[in-house]
Amino acid sequence: MSTFKPKKQKEIKHTLKITRKIILFSIILMGLFYLIQTNSLTVGGLKITDFKKQIEEIKKDNKQLEIEFLQLQAASKIKQASEELKMVKVDNLKYLEETGDVATK
């Protein structure tokens, strides 16, 4: 009977070693999983911030293009209206000069 106890104690010690290793491995694995998830969330947050910046830049560009479009559209409307009113382009332009006291008052 004395030979039975040491075998059982060895088995218990061996089982405890294996259990400790499994627990340690699980803790390390969970720690790695946590780090990977945290890193993934951080990278995702940075990507979202970059996308928001790009959206703002695109909105600014879009507003600028709308303004340019309206200006070009206004110029084409002016040209069309001048054609409808049968206006002619001025080739030789002369400005009046200020002379005398009446013009300066």
PDB file of N, CA and C in Angstrom:
ATOM      1  N   MET A   1       0.798  -1.193   0.000  1.00  0.00           N
ATOM      2  CA  MET A   1       0.000   0.000   0.000  1.00  0.00           C
ATOM      3  C   MET A   1       0.841   1.258   0.000  1.00  0.00           C
ATOM      4  N   SER A   2       2.033   1.152   0.473  1.00  0.00           N
ATOM      5  CA  SER A   2       2.903   2.323   0.508  1.00  0.00           C
ATOM      6  C   SER A   2       3.356   2.709  -0.901  1.00  0.00           C
ATOM      7  N   THR A   3       3.421   1.771  -1.809  1.00  0.00           N
ATOM      8  CA  THR A   3       3.805   2.073  -3.180  1.00  0.00           C
ATOM      9  C   THR A   3       2.670   2.738  -3.941  1.00  0.00           C
ATOM     10  N   PHE A   4       1.488   2.546  -3.481  1.00  0.00           N
ATOM     11  CA  PHE A   4       0.320   3.142  -4.146  1.00  0.00           C
ATOM     12  C   PHE A   4       0.251   4.645  -3.930  1.00  0.00           C
ATOM     13  N   LYS A   5       0.535   5.114  -2.726  1.00  0.00           N
ATOM     14  CA  LYS A   5       0.440   6.535  -2.410  1.00  0.00           C
ATOM     15  C   LYS A   5       1.423   7.384  -3.208  1.00  0.00           C
ATOM     16  N   PRO A   6       2.669   7.033  -3.290  1.00  0.00           N
ATOM     17  CA  PRO A   6       3.579   7.873  -4.074  1.00  0.00           C
ATOM     18  C   PRO A   6       3.171   7.973  -5.536  1.00  0.00           C
ATOM     19  N   LYS A   7       2.643   6.901  -6.104  1.00  0.00           N
ATOM     20  CA  LYS A   7       2.184   6.972  -7.495  1.00  0.00           C
ATOM     21  C   LYS A   7       1.034   7.952  -7.632  1.00  0.00           C
ATOM     22  N   LYS A   8       0.122   7.885  -6.707  1.00  0.00           N
ATOM     23  CA  LYS A   8      -1.030   8.765  -6.756  1.00  0.00           C
ATOM     24  C   LYS A   8      -0.588  10.214  -6.544  1.00  0.00           C
ATOM     25  N   GLN A   9       0.340  10.432  -5.620  1.00  0.00           N
ATOM     26  CA  GLN A   9       0.846  11.782  -5.380  1.00  0.00           C
ATOM     27  C   GLN A   9       1.572  12.298  -6.618  1.00  0.00           C
ATOM     28  N   LYS A  10       2.307  11.437  -7.307  1.00  0.00           N
ATOM     29  CA  LYS A  10       2.992  11.838  -8.532  1.00  0.00           C
ATOM     30  C   LYS A  10       1.978  12.213  -9.613  1.00  0.00           C
ATOM     31  N   GLU A  11       0.925  11.432  -9.696  1.00  0.00           N
ATOM     32  CA  GLU A  11      -0.120  11.725 -10.683  1.00  0.00           C
ATOM     33  C   GLU A  11      -0.789  13.064 -10.371  1.00  0.00           C
ATOM     34  N   ILE A  12      -1.054  13.304  -9.080  1.00  0.00           N
ATOM     35  CA  ILE A  12      -1.679  14.567  -8.674  1.00  0.00           C
ATOM     36  C   ILE A  12      -0.734  15.735  -8.984  1.00  0.00           C
ATOM     37  N   LYS A  13       0.536  15.592  -8.685  1.00  0.00           N
ATOM     38  CA  LYS A  13       1.504  16.648  -8.986  1.00  0.00           C
ATOM     39  C   LYS A  13       1.593  16.881 -10.489  1.00  0.00           C
ATOM     40  N   HIS A  14       1.607  15.797 -11.231  1.00  0.00           N
ATOM     41  CA  HIS A  14       1.668  15.912 -12.693  1.00  0.00           C
ATOM     42  C   HIS A  14       0.411  16.616 -13.230  1.00  0.00           C
ATOM     43  N   THR A  15      -0.739  16.231 -12.695  1.00  0.00           N
ATOM     44  CA  THR A  15      -1.996  16.854 -13.102  1.00  0.00           C
ATOM     45  C   THR A  15      -1.996  18.341 -12.751  1.00  0.00           C
ATOM     46  N   LEU A  16      -1.488  18.685 -11.562  1.00  0.00           N
ATOM     47  CA  LEU A  16      -1.414  20.090 -11.166  1.00  0.00           C
ATOM     48  C   LEU A  16      -0.480  20.884 -12.080  1.00  0.00           C
ATOM     49  N   LYS A  17       0.638  20.288 -12.470  1.00  0.00           N
ATOM     50  CA  LYS A  17       1.561  20.959 -13.385  1.00  0.00           C
ATOM     51  C   LYS A  17       0.883  21.243 -14.723  1.00  0.00           C
ATOM     52  N   ILE A  18       0.197  20.229 -15.227  1.00  0.00           N
ATOM     53  CA  ILE A  18      -0.506  20.388 -16.504  1.00  0.00           C
ATOM     54  C   ILE A  18      -1.590  21.457 -16.376  1.00  0.00           C
ATOM     55  N   THR A  19      -2.336  21.421 -15.281  1.00  0.00           N
ATOM     56  CA  THR A  19      -3.404  22.395 -15.052  1.00  0.00           C
ATOM     57  C   THR A  19      -2.816  23.809 -14.975  1.00  0.00           C
ATOM     58  N   ARG A  20      -1.720  23.980 -14.266  1.00  0.00           N
ATOM     59  CA  ARG A  20      -1.074  25.293 -14.163  1.00  0.00           C
ATOM     60  C   ARG A  20      -0.610  25.781 -15.532  1.00  0.00           C
ATOM     61  N   LYS A  21      -0.046  24.868 -16.314  1.00  0.00           N
ATOM     62  CA  LYS A  21       0.412  25.243 -17.651  1.00  0.00           C
ATOM     63  C   LYS A  21      -0.763  25.665 -18.532  1.00  0.00           C
ATOM     64  N   ILE A  22      -1.855  24.921 -18.428  1.00  0.00           N
ATOM     65  CA  ILE A  22      -3.049  25.255 -19.213  1.00  0.00           C
ATOM     66  C   ILE A  22      -3.594  26.619 -18.789  1.00  0.00           C
ATOM     67  N   ILE A  23      -3.644  26.867 -17.493  1.00  0.00           N
ATOM     68  CA  ILE A  23      -4.139  28.159 -16.987  1.00  0.00           C
ATOM     69  C   ILE A  23      -3.217  29.284 -17.437  1.00  0.00           C
ATOM     70  N   LEU A  24      -1.911  29.095 -17.323  1.00  0.00           N
ATOM     71  CA  LEU A  24      -0.950  30.112 -17.746  1.00  0.00           C
ATOM     72  C   LEU A  24      -1.066  30.368 -19.245  1.00  0.00           C
ATOM     73  N   PHE A  25      -1.163  29.297 -20.020  1.00  0.00           N
ATOM     74  CA  PHE A  25      -1.318  29.439 -21.464  1.00  0.00           C
ATOM     75  C   PHE A  25      -2.613  30.184 -21.802  1.00  0.00           C
ATOM     76  N   SER A  26      -3.694  29.877 -21.093  1.00  0.00           N
ATOM     77  CA  SER A  26      -4.981  30.559 -21.324  1.00  0.00           C
ATOM     78  C   SER A  26      -4.883  32.045 -21.007  1.00  0.00           C
ATOM     79  N   ILE A  27      -4.210  32.372 -19.901  1.00  0.00           N
ATOM     80  CA  ILE A  27      -4.057  33.777 -19.525  1.00  0.00           C
ATOM     81  C   ILE A  27      -3.243  34.528 -20.583  1.00  0.00           C
ATOM     82  N   ILE A  28      -2.163  33.924 -21.051  1.00  0.00           N
ATOM     83  CA  ILE A  28      -1.339  34.546 -22.089  1.00  0.00           C
ATOM     84  C   ILE A  28      -2.140  34.700 -23.375  1.00  0.00           C
ATOM     85  N   LEU A  29      -2.899  33.683 -23.730  1.00  0.00           N
ATOM     86  CA  LEU A  29      -3.715  33.728 -24.944  1.00  0.00           C
ATOM     87  C   LEU A  29      -4.775  34.827 -24.852  1.00  0.00           C
ATOM     88  N   MET A  30      -5.427  34.940 -23.704  1.00  0.00           N
ATOM     89  CA  MET A  30      -6.435  35.998 -23.519  1.00  0.00           C
ATOM     90  C   MET A  30      -5.784  37.378 -23.559  1.00  0.00           C
ATOM     91  N   GLY A  31      -4.583  37.509 -22.996  1.00  0.00           N
ATOM     92  CA  GLY A  31      -3.862  38.779 -23.045  1.00  0.00           C
ATOM     93  C   GLY A  31      -3.533  39.175 -24.471  1.00  0.00           C
ATOM     94  N   LEU A  32      -3.069  38.222 -25.255  1.00  0.00           N
ATOM     95  CA  LEU A  32      -2.780  38.492 -26.665  1.00  0.00           C
ATOM     96  C   LEU A  32      -4.045  38.870 -27.424  1.00  0.00           C
ATOM     97  N   PHE A  33      -5.115  38.149 -27.163  1.00  0.00           N
ATOM     98  CA  PHE A  33      -6.390  38.460 -27.808  1.00  0.00           C
ATOM     99  C   PHE A  33      -6.837  39.870 -27.462  1.00  0.00           C
ATOM    100  N   TYR A  34      -6.689  40.246 -26.189  1.00  0.00           N
ATOM    101  CA  TYR A  34      -7.056  41.593 -25.751  1.00  0.00           C
ATOM    102  C   TYR A  34      -6.215  42.646 -26.472  1.00  0.00           C
ATOM    103  N   LEU A  35      -4.910  42.417 -26.572  1.00  0.00           N
ATOM    104  CA  LEU A  35      -4.036  43.374 -27.254  1.00  0.00           C
ATOM    105  C   LEU A  35      -4.396  43.503 -28.735  1.00  0.00           C
ATOM    106  N   ILE A  36      -4.674  42.390 -29.359  1.00  0.00           N
ATOM    107  CA  ILE A  36      -5.042  42.416 -30.783  1.00  0.00           C
ATOM    108  C   ILE A  36      -6.343  43.177 -30.978  1.00  0.00           C
ATOM    109  N   GLN A  37      -7.332  42.934 -30.138  1.00  0.00           N
ATOM    110  CA  GLN A  37      -8.616  43.619 -30.254  1.00  0.00           C
ATOM    111  C   GLN A  37      -8.468  45.120 -30.007  1.00  0.00           C
ATOM    112  N   THR A  38      -7.694  45.483 -28.994  1.00  0.00           N
ATOM    113  CA  THR A  38      -7.475  46.892 -28.692  1.00  0.00           C
ATOM    114  C   THR A  38      -6.772  47.581 -29.853  1.00  0.00           C
ATOM    115  N   ASN A  39      -5.775  46.931 -30.402  1.00  0.00           N
ATOM    116  CA  ASN A  39      -5.063  47.490 -31.543  1.00  0.00           C
ATOM    117  C   ASN A  39      -5.990  47.648 -32.736  1.00  0.00           C
ATOM    118  N   SER A  40      -6.827  46.662 -32.975  1.00  0.00           N
ATOM    119  CA  SER A  40      -7.771  46.708 -34.088  1.00  0.00           C
ATOM    120  C   SER A  40      -8.745  47.869 -33.929  1.00  0.00           C
ATOM    121  N   LEU A  41      -9.246  48.067 -32.722  1.00  0.00           N
ATOM    122  CA  LEU A  41     -10.164  49.180 -32.478  1.00  0.00           C
ATOM    123  C   LEU A  41      -9.482  50.526 -32.673  1.00  0.00           C
ATOM    124  N   THR A  42      -8.241  50.627 -32.237  1.00  0.00           N
ATOM    125  CA  THR A  42      -7.502  51.872 -32.394  1.00  0.00           C
ATOM    126  C   THR A  42      -7.276  52.187 -33.868  1.00  0.00           C
ATOM    127  N   VAL A  43      -6.876  51.182 -34.622  1.00  0.00           N
ATOM    128  CA  VAL A  43      -6.656  51.379 -36.059  1.00  0.00           C
ATOM    129  C   VAL A  43      -7.963  51.761 -36.747  1.00  0.00           C
ATOM    130  N   GLY A  44      -9.048  51.102 -36.361  1.00  0.00           N
ATOM    131  CA  GLY A  44     -10.353  51.447 -36.928  1.00  0.00           C
ATOM    132  C   GLY A  44     -10.742  52.874 -36.613  1.00  0.00           C
ATOM    133  N   GLY A  45     -10.491  53.316 -35.392  1.00  0.00           N
ATOM    134  CA  GLY A  45     -10.792  54.700 -35.015  1.00  0.00           C
ATOM    135  C   GLY A  45      -9.982  55.698 -35.824  1.00  0.00           C
ATOM    136  N   LEU A  46      -8.719  55.381 -36.058  1.00  0.00           N
ATOM    137  CA  LEU A  46      -7.866  56.268 -36.859  1.00  0.00           C
ATOM    138  C   LEU A  46      -8.345  56.328 -38.308  1.00  0.00           C
ATOM    139  N   LYS A  47      -8.775  55.192 -38.833  1.00  0.00           N
ATOM    140  CA  LYS A  47      -9.301  55.171 -40.203  1.00  0.00           C
ATOM    141  C   LYS A  47     -10.562  56.020 -40.300  1.00  0.00           C
ATOM    142  N   ILE A  48     -11.434  55.924 -39.304  1.00  0.00           N
ATOM    143  CA  ILE A  48     -12.660  56.719 -39.297  1.00  0.00           C
ATOM    144  C   ILE A  48     -12.320  58.199 -39.269  1.00  0.00           C
ATOM    145  N   THR A  49     -11.335  58.583 -38.457  1.00  0.00           N
ATOM    146  CA  THR A  49     -10.916  59.983 -38.391  1.00  0.00           C
ATOM    147  C   THR A  49     -10.384  60.445 -39.743  1.00  0.00           C
ATOM    148  N   ASP A  50      -9.574  59.615 -40.399  1.00  0.00           N
ATOM    149  CA  ASP A  50      -9.057  59.971 -41.722  1.00  0.00           C
ATOM    150  C   ASP A  50     -10.187  60.113 -42.739  1.00  0.00           C
ATOM    151  N   PHE A  51     -11.157  59.215 -42.689  1.00  0.00           N
ATOM    152  CA  PHE A  51     -12.282  59.296 -43.611  1.00  0.00           C
ATOM    153  C   PHE A  51     -13.099  60.564 -43.371  1.00  0.00           C
ATOM    154  N   LYS A  52     -13.274  60.944 -42.114  1.00  0.00           N
ATOM    155  CA  LYS A  52     -14.008  62.176 -41.813  1.00  0.00           C
ATOM    156  C   LYS A  52     -13.276  63.390 -42.370  1.00  0.00           C
ATOM    157  N   LYS A  53     -11.946  63.394 -42.254  1.00  0.00           N
ATOM    158  CA  LYS A  53     -11.158  64.494 -42.826  1.00  0.00           C
ATOM    159  C   LYS A  53     -11.319  64.532 -44.340  1.00  0.00           C
ATOM    160  N   GLN A  54     -11.282  63.374 -44.971  1.00  0.00           N
ATOM    161  CA  GLN A  54     -11.458  63.317 -46.421  1.00  0.00           C
ATOM    162  C   GLN A  54     -12.834  63.815 -46.821  1.00  0.00           C
ATOM    163  N   ILE A  55     -13.854  63.459 -46.036  1.00  0.00           N
ATOM    164  CA  ILE A  55     -15.221  63.917 -46.326  1.00  0.00           C
ATOM    165  C   ILE A  55     -15.294  65.432 -46.254  1.00  0.00           C
ATOM    166  N   GLU A  56     -14.667  66.023 -45.232  1.00  0.00           N
ATOM    167  CA  GLU A  56     -14.674  67.482 -45.087  1.00  0.00           C
ATOM    168  C   GLU A  56     -13.958  68.149 -46.263  1.00  0.00           C
ATOM    169  N   GLU A  57     -12.828  67.585 -46.685  1.00  0.00           N
ATOM    170  CA  GLU A  57     -12.109  68.140 -47.830  1.00  0.00           C
ATOM    171  C   GLU A  57     -12.943  68.044 -49.099  1.00  0.00           C
ATOM    172  N   ILE A  58     -13.616  66.928 -49.278  1.00  0.00           N
ATOM    173  CA  ILE A  58     -14.454  66.744 -50.463  1.00  0.00           C
ATOM    174  C   ILE A  58     -15.626  67.717 -50.431  1.00  0.00           C
ATOM    175  N   LYS A  59     -16.198  67.941 -49.254  1.00  0.00           N
ATOM    176  CA  LYS A  59     -17.291  68.905 -49.142  1.00  0.00           C
ATOM    177  C   LYS A  59     -16.824  70.311 -49.510  1.00  0.00           C
ATOM    178  N   LYS A  60     -15.613  70.681 -49.045  1.00  0.00           N
ATOM    179  CA  LYS A  60     -15.069  71.998 -49.390  1.00  0.00           C
ATOM    180  C   LYS A  60     -14.849  72.108 -50.896  1.00  0.00           C
ATOM    181  N   ASP A  61     -14.272  71.067 -51.484  1.00  0.00           N
ATOM    182  CA  ASP A  61     -14.051  71.060 -52.931  1.00  0.00           C
ATOM    183  C   ASP A  61     -15.374  71.150 -53.682  1.00  0.00           C
ATOM    184  N   ASN A  62     -16.372  70.440 -53.186  1.00  0.00           N
ATOM    185  CA  ASN A  62     -17.682  70.449 -53.828  1.00  0.00           C
ATOM    186  C   ASN A  62     -18.296  71.852 -53.786  1.00  0.00           C
ATOM    187  N   LYS A  63     -18.194  72.528 -52.643  1.00  0.00           N
ATOM    188  CA  LYS A  63     -18.729  73.890 -52.547  1.00  0.00           C
ATOM    189  C   LYS A  63     -18.007  74.813 -53.512  1.00  0.00           C
ATOM    190  N   GLN A  64     -16.674  74.670 -53.603  1.00  0.00           N
ATOM    191  CA  GLN A  64     -15.897  75.497 -54.516  1.00  0.00           C
ATOM    192  C   GLN A  64     -16.321  75.240 -55.958  1.00  0.00           C
ATOM    193  N   LEU A  65     -16.529  73.983 -56.301  1.00  0.00           N
ATOM    194  CA  LEU A  65     -16.974  73.647 -57.663  1.00  0.00           C
ATOM    195  C   LEU A  65     -18.370  74.185 -57.945  1.00  0.00           C
ATOM    196  N   GLU A  66     -19.233  74.161 -56.950  1.00  0.00           N
ATOM    197  CA  GLU A  66     -20.576  74.727 -57.126  1.00  0.00           C
ATOM    198  C   GLU A  66     -20.500  76.221 -57.392  1.00  0.00           C
ATOM    199  N   ILE A  67     -19.627  76.906 -56.656  1.00  0.00           N
ATOM    200  CA  ILE A  67     -19.461  78.348 -56.865  1.00  0.00           C
ATOM    201  C   ILE A  67     -18.936  78.618 -58.269  1.00  0.00           C
ATOM    202  N   GLU A  68     -17.922  77.863 -58.680  1.00  0.00           N
ATOM    203  CA  GLU A  68     -17.385  78.029 -60.030  1.00  0.00           C
ATOM    204  C   GLU A  68     -18.452  77.740 -61.082  1.00  0.00           C
ATOM    205  N   PHE A  69     -19.246  76.706 -60.857  1.00  0.00           N
ATOM    206  CA  PHE A  69     -20.317  76.363 -61.797  1.00  0.00           C
ATOM    207  C   PHE A  69     -21.315  77.509 -61.912  1.00  0.00           C
ATOM    208  N   LEU A  70     -21.711  78.063 -60.772  1.00  0.00           N
ATOM    209  CA  LEU A  70     -22.666  79.167 -60.798  1.00  0.00           C
ATOM    210  C   LEU A  70     -22.078  80.389 -61.488  1.00  0.00           C
ATOM    211  N   GLN A  71     -20.787  80.647 -61.273  1.00  0.00           N
ATOM    212  CA  GLN A  71     -20.153  81.776 -61.943  1.00  0.00           C
ATOM    213  C   GLN A  71     -20.110  81.562 -63.451  1.00  0.00           C
ATOM    214  N   LEU A  72     -19.757  80.355 -63.869  1.00  0.00           N
ATOM    215  CA  LEU A  72     -19.717  80.065 -65.304  1.00  0.00           C
ATOM    216  C   LEU A  72     -21.115  80.091 -65.902  1.00  0.00           C
ATOM    217  N   GLN A  73     -22.062  79.618 -65.150  1.00  0.00           N
ATOM    218  CA  GLN A  73     -23.440  79.627 -65.629  1.00  0.00           C
ATOM    219  C   GLN A  73     -23.934  81.072 -65.775  1.00  0.00           C
ATOM    220  N   ALA A  74     -23.553  81.932 -64.818  1.00  0.00           N
ATOM    221  CA  ALA A  74     -23.938  83.342 -64.891  1.00  0.00           C
ATOM    222  C   ALA A  74     -23.303  84.001 -66.105  1.00  0.00           C
ATOM    223  N   ALA A  75     -22.042  83.661 -66.391  1.00  0.00           N
ATOM    224  CA  ALA A  75     -21.376  84.236 -67.557  1.00  0.00           C
ATOM    225  C   ALA A  75     -22.052  83.791 -68.846  1.00  0.00           C
ATOM    226  N   SER A  76     -22.444  82.541 -68.924  1.00  0.00           N
ATOM    227  CA  SER A  76     -23.117  82.061 -70.135  1.00  0.00           C
ATOM    228  C   SER A  76     -24.497  82.691 -70.275  1.00  0.00           C
ATOM    229  N   LYS A  77     -25.177  82.945 -69.144  1.00  0.00           N
ATOM    230  CA  LYS A  77     -26.480  83.609 -69.206  1.00  0.00           C
ATOM    231  C   LYS A  77     -26.334  85.050 -69.678  1.00  0.00           C
ATOM    232  N   ILE A  78     -25.272  85.697 -69.218  1.00  0.00           N
ATOM    233  CA  ILE A  78     -25.029  87.077 -69.660  1.00  0.00           C
ATOM    234  C   ILE A  78     -24.758  87.086 -71.153  1.00  0.00           C
ATOM    235  N   LYS A  79     -23.952  86.162 -71.635  1.00  0.00           N
ATOM    236  CA  LYS A  79     -23.669  86.089 -73.070  1.00  0.00           C
ATOM    237  C   LYS A  79     -24.946  85.817 -73.860  1.00  0.00           C
ATOM    238  N   GLN A  80     -25.762  84.898 -73.353  1.00  0.00           N
ATOM    239  CA  GLN A  80     -27.011  84.563 -74.037  1.00  0.00           C
ATOM    240  C   GLN A  80     -27.943  85.775 -74.048  1.00  0.00           C
ATOM    241  N   ALA A  81     -28.024  86.497 -72.928  1.00  0.00           N
ATOM    242  CA  ALA A  81     -28.889  87.676 -72.865  1.00  0.00           C
ATOM    243  C   ALA A  81     -28.379  88.764 -73.798  1.00  0.00           C
ATOM    244  N   SER A  82     -27.065  88.914 -73.895  1.00  0.00           N
ATOM    245  CA  SER A  82     -26.530  89.942 -74.796  1.00  0.00           C
ATOM    246  C   SER A  82     -26.835  89.598 -76.247  1.00  0.00           C
ATOM    247  N   GLU A  83     -26.824  88.315 -76.578  1.00  0.00           N
ATOM    248  CA  GLU A  83     -27.177  87.902 -77.945  1.00  0.00           C
ATOM    249  C   GLU A  83     -28.660  88.135 -78.214  1.00  0.00           C
ATOM    250  N   GLU A  84     -29.494  87.847 -77.225  1.00  0.00           N
ATOM    251  CA  GLU A  84     -30.934  88.060 -77.396  1.00  0.00           C
ATOM    252  C   GLU A  84     -31.263  89.551 -77.541  1.00  0.00           C
ATOM    253  N   LEU A  85     -30.524  90.406 -76.842  1.00  0.00           N
ATOM    254  CA  LEU A  85     -30.749  91.852 -76.923  1.00  0.00           C
ATOM    255  C   LEU A  85     -29.993  92.475 -78.092  1.00  0.00           C
ATOM    256  N   LYS A  86     -29.318  91.642 -78.867  1.00  0.00           N
ATOM    257  CA  LYS A  86     -28.576  92.062 -80.056  1.00  0.00           C
ATOM    258  C   LYS A  86     -27.523  93.114 -79.721  1.00  0.00           C
ATOM    259  N   MET A  87     -26.833  92.888 -78.640  1.00  0.00           N
ATOM    260  CA  MET A  87     -25.725  93.762 -78.267  1.00  0.00           C
ATOM    261  C   MET A  87     -24.485  93.334 -79.038  1.00  0.00           C
ATOM    262  N   VAL A  88     -23.608  94.296 -79.266  1.00  0.00           N
ATOM    263  CA  VAL A  88     -22.376  93.991 -79.990  1.00  0.00           C
ATOM    264  C   VAL A  88     -21.180  94.208 -79.065  1.00  0.00           C
ATOM    265  N   LYS A  89     -20.130  93.506 -79.371  1.00  0.00           N
ATOM    266  CA  LYS A  89     -18.921  93.606 -78.574  1.00  0.00           C
ATOM    267  C   LYS A  89     -18.205  94.911 -78.919  1.00  0.00           C
ATOM    268  N   VAL A  90     -17.705  95.572 -77.887  1.00  0.00           N
ATOM    269  CA  VAL A  90     -17.003  96.841 -78.084  1.00  0.00           C
ATOM    270  C   VAL A  90     -15.544  96.538 -78.383  1.00  0.00           C
ATOM    271  N   ASP A  91     -15.081  97.098 -79.528  1.00  0.00           N
ATOM    272  CA  ASP A  91     -13.686  96.889 -79.896  1.00  0.00           C
ATOM    273  C   ASP A  91     -12.802  98.046 -79.419  1.00  0.00           C
ATOM    274  N   ASN A  92     -13.317  99.261 -79.579  1.00  0.00           N
ATOM    275  CA  ASN A  92     -12.535 100.440 -79.266  1.00  0.00           C
ATOM    276  C   ASN A  92     -13.208 101.168 -78.110  1.00  0.00           C
ATOM    277  N   LEU A  93     -12.573 101.178 -76.965  1.00  0.00           N
ATOM    278  CA  LEU A  93     -13.179 101.738 -75.769  1.00  0.00           C
ATOM    279  C   LEU A  93     -12.459 103.030 -75.407  1.00  0.00           C
ATOM    280  N   LYS A  94     -13.222 104.084 -75.142  1.00  0.00           N
ATOM    281  CA  LYS A  94     -12.642 105.374 -74.754  1.00  0.00           C
ATOM    282  C   LYS A  94     -13.253 105.803 -73.427  1.00  0.00           C
ATOM    283  N   TYR A  95     -12.404 106.288 -72.528  1.00  0.00           N
ATOM    284  CA  TYR A  95     -12.852 106.768 -71.234  1.00  0.00           C
ATOM    285  C   TYR A  95     -12.866 108.288 -71.234  1.00  0.00           C
ATOM    286  N   LEU A  96     -13.807 108.879 -70.528  1.00  0.00           N
ATOM    287  CA  LEU A  96     -13.864 110.324 -70.388  1.00  0.00           C
ATOM    288  C   LEU A  96     -12.873 110.758 -69.325  1.00  0.00           C
ATOM    289  N   GLU A  97     -12.243 111.879 -69.570  1.00  0.00           N
ATOM    290  CA  GLU A  97     -11.287 112.388 -68.609  1.00  0.00           C
ATOM    291  C   GLU A  97     -11.945 113.467 -67.762  1.00  0.00           C
ATOM    292  N   GLU A  98     -11.482 113.573 -66.526  1.00  0.00           N
ATOM    293  CA  GLU A  98     -11.979 114.620 -65.647  1.00  0.00           C
ATOM    294  C   GLU A  98     -11.279 115.922 -65.995  1.00  0.00           C
ATOM    295  N   THR A  99     -12.072 116.935 -66.285  1.00  0.00           N
ATOM    296  CA  THR A  99     -11.502 118.254 -66.552  1.00  0.00           C
ATOM    297  C   THR A  99     -12.387 119.300 -65.936  1.00  0.00           C
ATOM    298  N   GLY A 100     -11.773 120.293 -65.356  1.00  0.00           N
ATOM    299  CA  GLY A 100     -12.540 121.394 -64.794  1.00  0.00           C
ATOM    300  C   GLY A 100     -12.994 121.109 -63.384  1.00  0.00           C
ATOM    301  N   ASP A 101     -13.620 122.145 -62.792  1.00  0.00           N
ATOM    302  CA  ASP A 101     -14.053 122.077 -61.404  1.00  0.00           C
ATOM    303  C   ASP A 101     -15.341 121.269 -61.229  1.00  0.00           C
ATOM    304  N   VAL A 102     -16.158 121.244 -62.195  1.00  0.00           N
ATOM    305  CA  VAL A 102     -17.437 120.571 -62.080  1.00  0.00           C
ATOM    306  C   VAL A 102     -17.234 119.056 -61.894  1.00  0.00           C
ATOM    307  N   ALA A 103     -16.304 118.512 -62.556  1.00  0.00           N
ATOM    308  CA  ALA A 103     -16.070 117.068 -62.472  1.00  0.00           C
ATOM    309  C   ALA A 103     -15.445 116.669 -61.146  1.00  0.00           C
ATOM    310  N   THR A 104     -14.722 117.576 -60.483  1.00  0.00           N
ATOM    311  CA  THR A 104     -14.062 117.217 -59.257  1.00  0.00           C
ATOM    312  C   THR A 104     -14.914 117.427 -58.007  1.00  0.00           C
ATOM    313  N   LYS A 105     -16.013 118.156 -58.123  1.00  0.00           N
ATOM    314  CA  LYS A 105     -16.855 118.424 -56.957  1.00  0.00           C
ATOM    315  C   LYS A 105     -17.716 117.307 -56.636  1.00  0.00           C
TER     316      LYS A 105
END
